[in-house]
Amino acid sequence: MRRRAAVDANQSEIVAALRAVGGSVVDLSSVGAGCPDVLCGYRGVNYAVEIKDGDKFKSQRKLTPAQSLFHACWRGQICVVETVDEALRAIGAVK
């Protein structure tokens, strides 16, 4: 049986910011198997977004082995963000 997914402390803040600029966001954190935390649709493009907590030690912000494998095999756009600013830049909402 799969354990409940841990959600980073900054995920709700980042999701709120993505929605505030007009993005639609689906929480995927419970999917597991290295799947990114959220899927954000913005201006006709889908962004797979892995959220890491920038307040944690660098070693705690690394991708898990499952996440690394998912990222390596994914043939679409995928990004890792730690802050609201990084998330907004990743989707092109700010430069």
PDB file of N, CA and C in Angstrom:
ATOM      1  N   MET A   1       0.838  -1.183   0.000  1.00  0.00           N
ATOM      2  CA  MET A   1       0.000   0.000   0.000  1.00  0.00           C
ATOM      3  C   MET A   1       0.882   1.245   0.000  1.00  0.00           C
ATOM      4  N   ARG A   2       0.558   2.205  -0.865  1.00  0.00           N
ATOM      5  CA  ARG A   2       1.368   3.415  -0.989  1.00  0.00           C
ATOM      6  C   ARG A   2       1.131   4.354   0.179  1.00  0.00           C
ATOM      7  N   ARG A   3       2.238   4.901   0.658  1.00  0.00           N
ATOM      8  CA  ARG A   3       2.186   5.896   1.715  1.00  0.00           C
ATOM      9  C   ARG A   3       1.652   7.218   1.177  1.00  0.00           C
ATOM     10  N   ARG A   4       1.015   7.985   2.014  1.00  0.00           N
ATOM     11  CA  ARG A   4       0.502   9.298   1.600  1.00  0.00           C
ATOM     12  C   ARG A   4       1.670  10.206   1.196  1.00  0.00           C
ATOM     13  N   ALA A   5       1.534  10.880   0.080  1.00  0.00           N
ATOM     14  CA  ALA A   5       2.600  11.730  -0.446  1.00  0.00           C
ATOM     15  C   ALA A   5       2.837  12.932   0.455  1.00  0.00           C
ATOM     16  N   ALA A   6       4.112  13.250   0.652  1.00  0.00           N
ATOM     17  CA  ALA A   6       4.473  14.444   1.404  1.00  0.00           C
ATOM     18  C   ALA A   6       4.406  15.638   0.462  1.00  0.00           C
ATOM     19  N   VAL A   7       3.753  16.684   0.875  1.00  0.00           N
ATOM     20  CA  VAL A   7       3.630  17.893   0.063  1.00  0.00           C
ATOM     21  C   VAL A   7       4.539  18.951   0.672  1.00  0.00           C
ATOM     22  N   ASP A   8       5.378  19.574  -0.165  1.00  0.00           N
ATOM     23  CA  ASP A   8       6.285  20.599   0.338  1.00  0.00           C
ATOM     24  C   ASP A   8       5.510  21.782   0.901  1.00  0.00           C
ATOM     25  N   ALA A   9       6.089  22.424   1.906  1.00  0.00           N
ATOM     26  CA  ALA A   9       5.425  23.510   2.623  1.00  0.00           C
ATOM     27  C   ALA A   9       5.055  24.677   1.715  1.00  0.00           C
ATOM     28  N   ASN A  10       5.807  24.888   0.647  1.00  0.00           N
ATOM     29  CA  ASN A  10       5.561  26.029  -0.237  1.00  0.00           C
ATOM     30  C   ASN A  10       4.635  25.696  -1.406  1.00  0.00           C
ATOM     31  N   GLN A  11       4.131  24.474  -1.481  1.00  0.00           N
ATOM     32  CA  GLN A  11       3.308  24.091  -2.624  1.00  0.00           C
ATOM     33  C   GLN A  11       2.036  24.925  -2.727  1.00  0.00           C
ATOM     34  N   SER A  12       1.340  25.146  -1.631  1.00  0.00           N
ATOM     35  CA  SER A  12       0.087  25.909  -1.708  1.00  0.00           C
ATOM     36  C   SER A  12       0.339  27.349  -2.152  1.00  0.00           C
ATOM     37  N   GLU A  13       1.437  27.936  -1.727  1.00  0.00           N
ATOM     38  CA  GLU A  13       1.791  29.301  -2.132  1.00  0.00           C
ATOM     39  C   GLU A  13       2.084  29.359  -3.633  1.00  0.00           C
ATOM     40  N   ILE A  14       2.831  28.383  -4.121  1.00  0.00           N
ATOM     41  CA  ILE A  14       3.168  28.348  -5.546  1.00  0.00           C
ATOM     42  C   ILE A  14       1.923  28.090  -6.386  1.00  0.00           C
ATOM     43  N   VAL A  15       1.082  27.172  -5.973  1.00  0.00           N
ATOM     44  CA  VAL A  15      -0.162  26.893  -6.691  1.00  0.00           C
ATOM     45  C   VAL A  15      -1.048  28.146  -6.728  1.00  0.00           C
ATOM     46  N   ALA A  16      -1.159  28.836  -5.612  1.00  0.00           N
ATOM     47  CA  ALA A  16      -1.967  30.064  -5.563  1.00  0.00           C
ATOM     48  C   ALA A  16      -1.421  31.112  -6.531  1.00  0.00           C
ATOM     49  N   ALA A  17      -0.102  31.242  -6.617  1.00  0.00           N
ATOM     50  CA  ALA A  17       0.507  32.223  -7.521  1.00  0.00           C
ATOM     51  C   ALA A  17       0.263  31.844  -8.981  1.00  0.00           C
ATOM     52  N   LEU A  18       0.363  30.559  -9.297  1.00  0.00           N
ATOM     53  CA  LEU A  18       0.105  30.118 -10.668  1.00  0.00           C
ATOM     54  C   LEU A  18      -1.344  30.406 -11.053  1.00  0.00           C
ATOM     55  N   ARG A  19      -2.255  30.167 -10.146  1.00  0.00           N
ATOM     56  CA  ARG A  19      -3.670  30.445 -10.414  1.00  0.00           C
ATOM     57  C   ARG A  19      -3.927  31.946 -10.513  1.00  0.00           C
ATOM     58  N   ALA A  20      -3.219  32.739  -9.718  1.00  0.00           N
ATOM     59  CA  ALA A  20      -3.422  34.190  -9.705  1.00  0.00           C
ATOM     60  C   ALA A  20      -3.064  34.839 -11.042  1.00  0.00           C
ATOM     61  N   VAL A  21      -2.143  34.225 -11.801  1.00  0.00           N
ATOM     62  CA  VAL A  21      -1.777  34.789 -13.106  1.00  0.00           C
ATOM     63  C   VAL A  21      -2.599  34.171 -14.239  1.00  0.00           C
ATOM     64  N   GLY A  22      -3.576  33.350 -13.885  1.00  0.00           N
ATOM     65  CA  GLY A  22      -4.463  32.776 -14.884  1.00  0.00           C
ATOM     66  C   GLY A  22      -4.189  31.330 -15.246  1.00  0.00           C
ATOM     67  N   GLY A  23      -3.294  30.687 -14.522  1.00  0.00           N
ATOM     68  CA  GLY A  23      -3.008  29.281 -14.789  1.00  0.00           C
ATOM     69  C   GLY A  23      -4.067  28.376 -14.184  1.00  0.00           C
ATOM     70  N   SER A  24      -4.305  27.245 -14.834  1.00  0.00           N
ATOM     71  CA  SER A  24      -5.137  26.214 -14.225  1.00  0.00           C
ATOM     72  C   SER A  24      -4.172  25.170 -13.670  1.00  0.00           C
ATOM     73  N   VAL A  25      -4.441  24.691 -12.463  1.00  0.00           N
ATOM     74  CA  VAL A  25      -3.497  23.814 -11.779  1.00  0.00           C
ATOM     75  C   VAL A  25      -4.208  22.576 -11.256  1.00  0.00           C
ATOM     76  N   VAL A  26      -3.599  21.416 -11.518  1.00  0.00           N
ATOM     77  CA  VAL A  26      -4.074  20.145 -10.985  1.00  0.00           C
ATOM     78  C   VAL A  26      -2.988  19.576 -10.090  1.00  0.00           C
ATOM     79  N   ASP A  27      -3.353  19.212  -8.869  1.00  0.00           N
ATOM     80  CA  ASP A  27      -2.412  18.621  -7.925  1.00  0.00           C
ATOM     81  C   ASP A  27      -2.217  17.146  -8.275  1.00  0.00           C
ATOM     82  N   LEU A  28      -0.980  16.770  -8.586  1.00  0.00           N
ATOM     83  CA  LEU A  28      -0.641  15.394  -8.932  1.00  0.00           C
ATOM     84  C   LEU A  28       0.209  14.729  -7.855  1.00  0.00           C
ATOM     85  N   SER A  29       0.395  15.401  -6.718  1.00  0.00           N
ATOM     86  CA  SER A  29       1.335  14.908  -5.708  1.00  0.00           C
ATOM     87  C   SER A  29       0.989  13.526  -5.165  1.00  0.00           C
ATOM     88  N   SER A  30      -0.258  13.110  -5.269  1.00  0.00           N
ATOM     89  CA  SER A  30      -0.631  11.789  -4.756  1.00  0.00           C
ATOM     90  C   SER A  30      -0.441  10.674  -5.787  1.00  0.00           C
ATOM     91  N   VAL A  31      -0.066  11.012  -7.014  1.00  0.00           N
ATOM     92  CA  VAL A  31       0.102  10.008  -8.063  1.00  0.00           C
ATOM     93  C   VAL A  31       1.262   9.066  -7.746  1.00  0.00           C
ATOM     94  N   GLY A  32       2.369   9.619  -7.278  1.00  0.00           N
ATOM     95  CA  GLY A  32       3.539   8.802  -6.966  1.00  0.00           C
ATOM     96  C   GLY A  32       4.322   8.430  -8.210  1.00  0.00           C
ATOM     97  N   ALA A  33       5.201   7.445  -8.095  1.00  0.00           N
ATOM     98  CA  ALA A  33       6.029   6.945  -9.197  1.00  0.00           C
ATOM     99  C   ALA A  33       6.878   8.038  -9.844  1.00  0.00           C
ATOM    100  N   GLY A  34       7.238   9.069  -9.072  1.00  0.00           N
ATOM    101  CA  GLY A  34       8.089  10.134  -9.587  1.00  0.00           C
ATOM    102  C   GLY A  34       7.356  11.209 -10.355  1.00  0.00           C
ATOM    103  N   CYS A  35       6.037  11.088 -10.453  1.00  0.00           N
ATOM    104  CA  CYS A  35       5.240  12.080 -11.176  1.00  0.00           C
ATOM    105  C   CYS A  35       5.404  13.457 -10.518  1.00  0.00           C
ATOM    106  N   PRO A  36       5.496  14.526 -11.321  1.00  0.00           N
ATOM    107  CA  PRO A  36       5.640  15.871 -10.758  1.00  0.00           C
ATOM    108  C   PRO A  36       4.469  16.238  -9.841  1.00  0.00           C
ATOM    109  N   ASP A  37       4.683  17.243  -9.006  1.00  0.00           N
ATOM    110  CA  ASP A  37       3.688  17.644  -8.007  1.00  0.00           C
ATOM    111  C   ASP A  37       2.432  18.245  -8.609  1.00  0.00           C
ATOM    112  N   VAL A  38       2.596  19.086  -9.651  1.00  0.00           N
ATOM    113  CA  VAL A  38       1.426  19.730 -10.248  1.00  0.00           C
ATOM    114  C   VAL A  38       1.562  19.798 -11.754  1.00  0.00           C
ATOM    115  N   LEU A  39       0.410  19.912 -12.397  1.00  0.00           N
ATOM    116  CA  LEU A  39       0.333  20.188 -13.823  1.00  0.00           C
ATOM    117  C   LEU A  39      -0.338  21.544 -13.945  1.00  0.00           C
ATOM    118  N   CYS A  40       0.327  22.461 -14.635  1.00  0.00           N
ATOM    119  CA  CYS A  40      -0.202  23.816 -14.797  1.00  0.00           C
ATOM    120  C   CYS A  40      -0.423  24.092 -16.279  1.00  0.00           C
ATOM    121  N   GLY A  41      -1.625  24.517 -16.619  1.00  0.00           N
ATOM    122  CA  GLY A  41      -1.922  24.957 -17.972  1.00  0.00           C
ATOM    123  C   GLY A  41      -1.898  26.476 -18.000  1.00  0.00           C
ATOM    124  N   TYR A  42      -1.117  27.042 -18.928  1.00  0.00           N
ATOM    125  CA  TYR A  42      -1.002  28.501 -19.005  1.00  0.00           C
ATOM    126  C   TYR A  42      -0.819  28.909 -20.463  1.00  0.00           C
ATOM    127  N   ARG A  43      -1.738  29.720 -20.947  1.00  0.00           N
ATOM    128  CA  ARG A  43      -1.705  30.236 -22.318  1.00  0.00           C
ATOM    129  C   ARG A  43      -1.547  29.119 -23.350  1.00  0.00           C
ATOM    130  N   GLY A  44      -2.305  28.059 -23.151  1.00  0.00           N
ATOM    131  CA  GLY A  44      -2.335  26.973 -24.126  1.00  0.00           C
ATOM    132  C   GLY A  44      -1.213  25.958 -24.030  1.00  0.00           C
ATOM    133  N   VAL A  45      -0.377  26.078 -23.013  1.00  0.00           N
ATOM    134  CA  VAL A  45       0.741  25.147 -22.839  1.00  0.00           C
ATOM    135  C   VAL A  45       0.625  24.478 -21.478  1.00  0.00           C
ATOM    136  N   ASN A  46       0.940  23.187 -21.423  1.00  0.00           N
ATOM    137  CA  ASN A  46       0.940  22.446 -20.156  1.00  0.00           C
ATOM    138  C   ASN A  46       2.356  22.370 -19.602  1.00  0.00           C
ATOM    139  N   TYR A  47       2.484  22.597 -18.305  1.00  0.00           N
ATOM    140  CA  TYR A  47       3.779  22.565 -17.631  1.00  0.00           C
ATOM    141  C   TYR A  47       3.726  21.564 -16.485  1.00  0.00           C
ATOM    142  N   ALA A  48       4.573  20.548 -16.538  1.00  0.00           N
ATOM    143  CA  ALA A  48       4.716  19.621 -15.424  1.00  0.00           C
ATOM    144  C   ALA A  48       5.711  20.253 -14.458  1.00  0.00           C
ATOM    145  N   VAL A  49       5.287  20.448 -13.215  1.00  0.00           N
ATOM    146  CA  VAL A  49       6.088  21.211 -12.264  1.00  0.00           C
ATOM    147  C   VAL A  49       6.368  20.376 -11.009  1.00  0.00           C
ATOM    148  N   GLU A  50       7.641  20.155 -10.740  1.00  0.00           N
ATOM    149  CA  GLU A  50       8.075  19.516  -9.503  1.00  0.00           C
ATOM    150  C   GLU A  50       8.428  20.643  -8.533  1.00  0.00           C
ATOM    151  N   ILE A  51       7.810  20.639  -7.368  1.00  0.00           N
ATOM    152  CA  ILE A  51       8.029  21.701  -6.378  1.00  0.00           C
ATOM    153  C   ILE A  51       8.934  21.174  -5.271  1.00  0.00           C
ATOM    154  N   LYS A  52       9.996  21.908  -5.018  1.00  0.00           N
ATOM    155  CA  LYS A  52      10.908  21.595  -3.922  1.00  0.00           C
ATOM    156  C   LYS A  52      10.893  22.767  -2.950  1.00  0.00           C
ATOM    157  N   ASP A  53      11.066  22.476  -1.682  1.00  0.00           N
ATOM    158  CA  ASP A  53      11.049  23.504  -0.640  1.00  0.00           C
ATOM    159  C   ASP A  53      12.444  24.102  -0.497  1.00  0.00           C
ATOM    160  N   GLY A  54      12.598  25.344  -0.930  1.00  0.00           N
ATOM    161  CA  GLY A  54      13.877  26.034  -0.881  1.00  0.00           C
ATOM    162  C   GLY A  54      14.397  26.288   0.518  1.00  0.00           C
ATOM    163  N   ASP A  55      13.560  26.127   1.537  1.00  0.00           N
ATOM    164  CA  ASP A  55      14.003  26.328   2.920  1.00  0.00           C
ATOM    165  C   ASP A  55      14.682  25.087   3.496  1.00  0.00           C
ATOM    166  N   LYS A  56      14.582  23.967   2.793  1.00  0.00           N
ATOM    167  CA  LYS A  56      15.215  22.737   3.274  1.00  0.00           C
ATOM    168  C   LYS A  56      16.685  22.715   2.875  1.00  0.00           C
ATOM    169  N   PHE A  57      17.460  21.859   3.532  1.00  0.00           N
ATOM    170  CA  PHE A  57      18.855  21.674   3.157  1.00  0.00           C
ATOM    171  C   PHE A  57      18.918  21.219   1.703  1.00  0.00           C
ATOM    172  N   LYS A  58      19.996  21.593   1.017  1.00  0.00           N
ATOM    173  CA  LYS A  58      20.139  21.249  -0.398  1.00  0.00           C
ATOM    174  C   LYS A  58      19.984  19.741  -0.627  1.00  0.00           C
ATOM    175  N   SER A  59      20.521  18.937   0.277  1.00  0.00           N
ATOM    176  CA  SER A  59      20.429  17.484   0.117  1.00  0.00           C
ATOM    177  C   SER A  59      18.977  16.995   0.201  1.00  0.00           C
ATOM    178  N   GLN A  60      18.116  17.743   0.886  1.00  0.00           N
ATOM    179  CA  GLN A  60      16.708  17.373   1.017  1.00  0.00           C
ATOM    180  C   GLN A  60      15.875  17.856  -0.170  1.00  0.00           C
ATOM    181  N   ARG A  61      16.468  18.692  -1.030  1.00  0.00           N
ATOM    182  CA  ARG A  61      15.751  19.226  -2.192  1.00  0.00           C
ATOM    183  C   ARG A  61      16.074  18.454  -3.470  1.00  0.00           C
ATOM    184  N   LYS A  62      16.925  17.450  -3.390  1.00  0.00           N
ATOM    185  CA  LYS A  62      17.282  16.677  -4.573  1.00  0.00           C
ATOM    186  C   LYS A  62      16.093  15.839  -5.038  1.00  0.00           C
ATOM    187  N   LEU A  63      16.076  15.551  -6.316  1.00  0.00           N
ATOM    188  CA  LEU A  63      15.048  14.655  -6.841  1.00  0.00           C
ATOM    189  C   LEU A  63      15.259  13.262  -6.265  1.00  0.00           C
ATOM    190  N   THR A  64      14.179  12.589  -5.974  1.00  0.00           N
ATOM    191  CA  THR A  64      14.274  11.203  -5.531  1.00  0.00           C
ATOM    192  C   THR A  64      14.667  10.350  -6.744  1.00  0.00           C
ATOM    193  N   PRO A  65      15.102   9.124  -6.516  1.00  0.00           N
ATOM    194  CA  PRO A  65      15.409   8.265  -7.666  1.00  0.00           C
ATOM    195  C   PRO A  65      14.211   8.116  -8.617  1.00  0.00           C
ATOM    196  N   ALA A  66      13.013   7.970  -8.079  1.00  0.00           N
ATOM    197  CA  ALA A  66      11.818   7.843  -8.929  1.00  0.00           C
ATOM    198  C   ALA A  66      11.578   9.127  -9.725  1.00  0.00           C
ATOM    199  N   GLN A  67      11.784  10.282  -9.098  1.00  0.00           N
ATOM    200  CA  GLN A  67      11.606  11.558  -9.800  1.00  0.00           C
ATOM    201  C   GLN A  67      12.659  11.725 -10.894  1.00  0.00           C
ATOM    202  N   SER A  68      13.893  11.364 -10.601  1.00  0.00           N
ATOM    203  CA  SER A  68      14.962  11.463 -11.602  1.00  0.00           C
ATOM    204  C   SER A  68      14.645  10.599 -12.812  1.00  0.00           C
ATOM    205  N   LEU A  69      14.155   9.391 -12.579  1.00  0.00           N
ATOM    206  CA  LEU A  69      13.794   8.500 -13.673  1.00  0.00           C
ATOM    207  C   LEU A  69      12.633   9.077 -14.481  1.00  0.00           C
ATOM    208  N   PHE A  70      11.623   9.586 -13.791  1.00  0.00           N
ATOM    209  CA  PHE A  70      10.487  10.192 -14.478  1.00  0.00           C
ATOM    210  C   PHE A  70      10.962  11.337 -15.364  1.00  0.00           C
ATOM    211  N   HIS A  71      11.797  12.222 -14.814  1.00  0.00           N
ATOM    212  CA  HIS A  71      12.294  13.375 -15.567  1.00  0.00           C
ATOM    213  C   HIS A  71      13.096  12.921 -16.785  1.00  0.00           C
ATOM    214  N   ALA A  72      13.908  11.878 -16.624  1.00  0.00           N
ATOM    215  CA  ALA A  72      14.737  11.390 -17.723  1.00  0.00           C
ATOM    216  C   ALA A  72      13.889  10.779 -18.850  1.00  0.00           C
ATOM    217  N   CYS A  73      12.782  10.165 -18.493  1.00  0.00           N
ATOM    218  CA  CYS A  73      11.951   9.477 -19.477  1.00  0.00           C
ATOM    219  C   CYS A  73      10.849  10.351 -20.069  1.00  0.00           C
ATOM    220  N   TRP A  74      10.523  11.448 -19.409  1.00  0.00           N
ATOM    221  CA  TRP A  74       9.417  12.292 -19.849  1.00  0.00           C
ATOM    222  C   TRP A  74       9.785  13.002 -21.141  1.00  0.00           C
ATOM    223  N   ARG A  75       8.929  12.953 -22.133  1.00  0.00           N
ATOM    224  CA  ARG A  75       9.205  13.550 -23.440  1.00  0.00           C
ATOM    225  C   ARG A  75       8.518  14.900 -23.624  1.00  0.00           C
ATOM    226  N   GLY A  76       8.043  15.451 -22.548  1.00  0.00           N
ATOM    227  CA  GLY A  76       7.408  16.763 -22.591  1.00  0.00           C
ATOM    228  C   GLY A  76       8.158  17.739 -21.701  1.00  0.00           C
ATOM    229  N   GLN A  77       7.573  18.903 -21.533  1.00  0.00           N
ATOM    230  CA  GLN A  77       8.156  19.953 -20.714  1.00  0.00           C
ATOM    231  C   GLN A  77       8.013  19.576 -19.242  1.00  0.00           C
ATOM    232  N   ILE A  78       9.082  19.742 -18.482  1.00  0.00           N
ATOM    233  CA  ILE A  78       9.052  19.483 -17.048  1.00  0.00           C
ATOM    234  C   ILE A  78      10.067  20.413 -16.387  1.00  0.00           C
ATOM    235  N   CYS A  79       9.729  20.919 -15.207  1.00  0.00           N
ATOM    236  CA  CYS A  79      10.649  21.825 -14.522  1.00  0.00           C
ATOM    237  C   CYS A  79      10.607  21.576 -13.022  1.00  0.00           C
ATOM    238  N   VAL A  80      11.653  22.045 -12.359  1.00  0.00           N
ATOM    239  CA  VAL A  80      11.743  21.968 -10.901  1.00  0.00           C
ATOM    240  C   VAL A  80      11.827  23.404 -10.397  1.00  0.00           C
ATOM    241  N   VAL A  81      10.959  23.752  -9.449  1.00  0.00           N
ATOM    242  CA  VAL A  81      10.956  25.106  -8.902  1.00  0.00           C
ATOM    243  C   VAL A  81      10.982  25.064  -7.381  1.00  0.00           C
ATOM    244  N   GLU A  82      11.527  26.120  -6.792  1.00  0.00           N
ATOM    245  CA  GLU A  82      11.579  26.232  -5.329  1.00  0.00           C
ATOM    246  C   GLU A  82      10.827  27.445  -4.810  1.00  0.00           C
ATOM    247  N   THR A  83      10.553  28.414  -5.684  1.00  0.00           N
ATOM    248  CA  THR A  83       9.929  29.658  -5.245  1.00  0.00           C
ATOM    249  C   THR A  83       8.804  30.055  -6.204  1.00  0.00           C
ATOM    250  N   VAL A  84       7.983  30.994  -5.761  1.00  0.00           N
ATOM    251  CA  VAL A  84       6.930  31.549  -6.609  1.00  0.00           C
ATOM    252  C   VAL A  84       7.553  32.164  -7.857  1.00  0.00           C
ATOM    253  N   ASP A  85       8.613  32.935  -7.689  1.00  0.00           N
ATOM    254  CA  ASP A  85       9.264  33.592  -8.820  1.00  0.00           C
ATOM    255  C   ASP A  85       9.750  32.569  -9.846  1.00  0.00           C
ATOM    256  N   GLU A  86      10.383  31.490  -9.378  1.00  0.00           N
ATOM    257  CA  GLU A  86      10.843  30.449 -10.303  1.00  0.00           C
ATOM    258  C   GLU A  86       9.668  29.817 -11.045  1.00  0.00           C
ATOM    259  N   ALA A  87       8.572  29.587 -10.342  1.00  0.00           N
ATOM    260  CA  ALA A  87       7.398  28.974 -10.957  1.00  0.00           C
ATOM    261  C   ALA A  87       6.807  29.888 -12.035  1.00  0.00           C
ATOM    262  N   LEU A  88       6.700  31.165 -11.738  1.00  0.00           N
ATOM    263  CA  LEU A  88       6.146  32.119 -12.702  1.00  0.00           C
ATOM    264  C   LEU A  88       7.069  32.271 -13.908  1.00  0.00           C
ATOM    265  N   ARG A  89       8.364  32.224 -13.676  1.00  0.00           N
ATOM    266  CA  ARG A  89       9.321  32.281 -14.788  1.00  0.00           C
ATOM    267  C   ARG A  89       9.236  31.014 -15.642  1.00  0.00           C
ATOM    268  N   ALA A  90       9.069  29.869 -14.994  1.00  0.00           N
ATOM    269  CA  ALA A  90       9.015  28.587 -15.700  1.00  0.00           C
ATOM    270  C   ALA A  90       7.856  28.533 -16.684  1.00  0.00           C
ATOM    271  N   ILE A  91       6.732  29.162 -16.349  1.00  0.00           N
ATOM    272  CA  ILE A  91       5.578  29.140 -17.251  1.00  0.00           C
ATOM    273  C   ILE A  91       5.536  30.364 -18.160  1.00  0.00           C
ATOM    274  N   GLY A  92       6.476  31.259 -18.002  1.00  0.00           N
ATOM    275  CA  GLY A  92       6.536  32.446 -18.866  1.00  0.00           C
ATOM    276  C   GLY A  92       5.623  33.575 -18.443  1.00  0.00           C
ATOM    277  N   ALA A  93       5.164  33.555 -17.195  1.00  0.00           N
ATOM    278  CA  ALA A  93       4.280  34.627 -16.714  1.00  0.00           C
ATOM    279  C   ALA A  93       5.069  35.886 -16.367  1.00  0.00           C
ATOM    280  N   VAL A  94       6.334  35.732 -16.047  1.00  0.00           N
ATOM    281  CA  VAL A  94       7.241  36.865 -15.796  1.00  0.00           C
ATOM    282  C   VAL A  94       8.571  36.551 -16.479  1.00  0.00           C
ATOM    283  N   LYS A  95       9.313  37.583 -16.743  1.00  0.00           N
ATOM    284  CA  LYS A  95      10.627  37.381 -17.393  1.00  0.00           C
ATOM    285  C   LYS A  95      11.747  37.571 -16.417  1.00  0.00           C
TER     286      LYS A  95
END
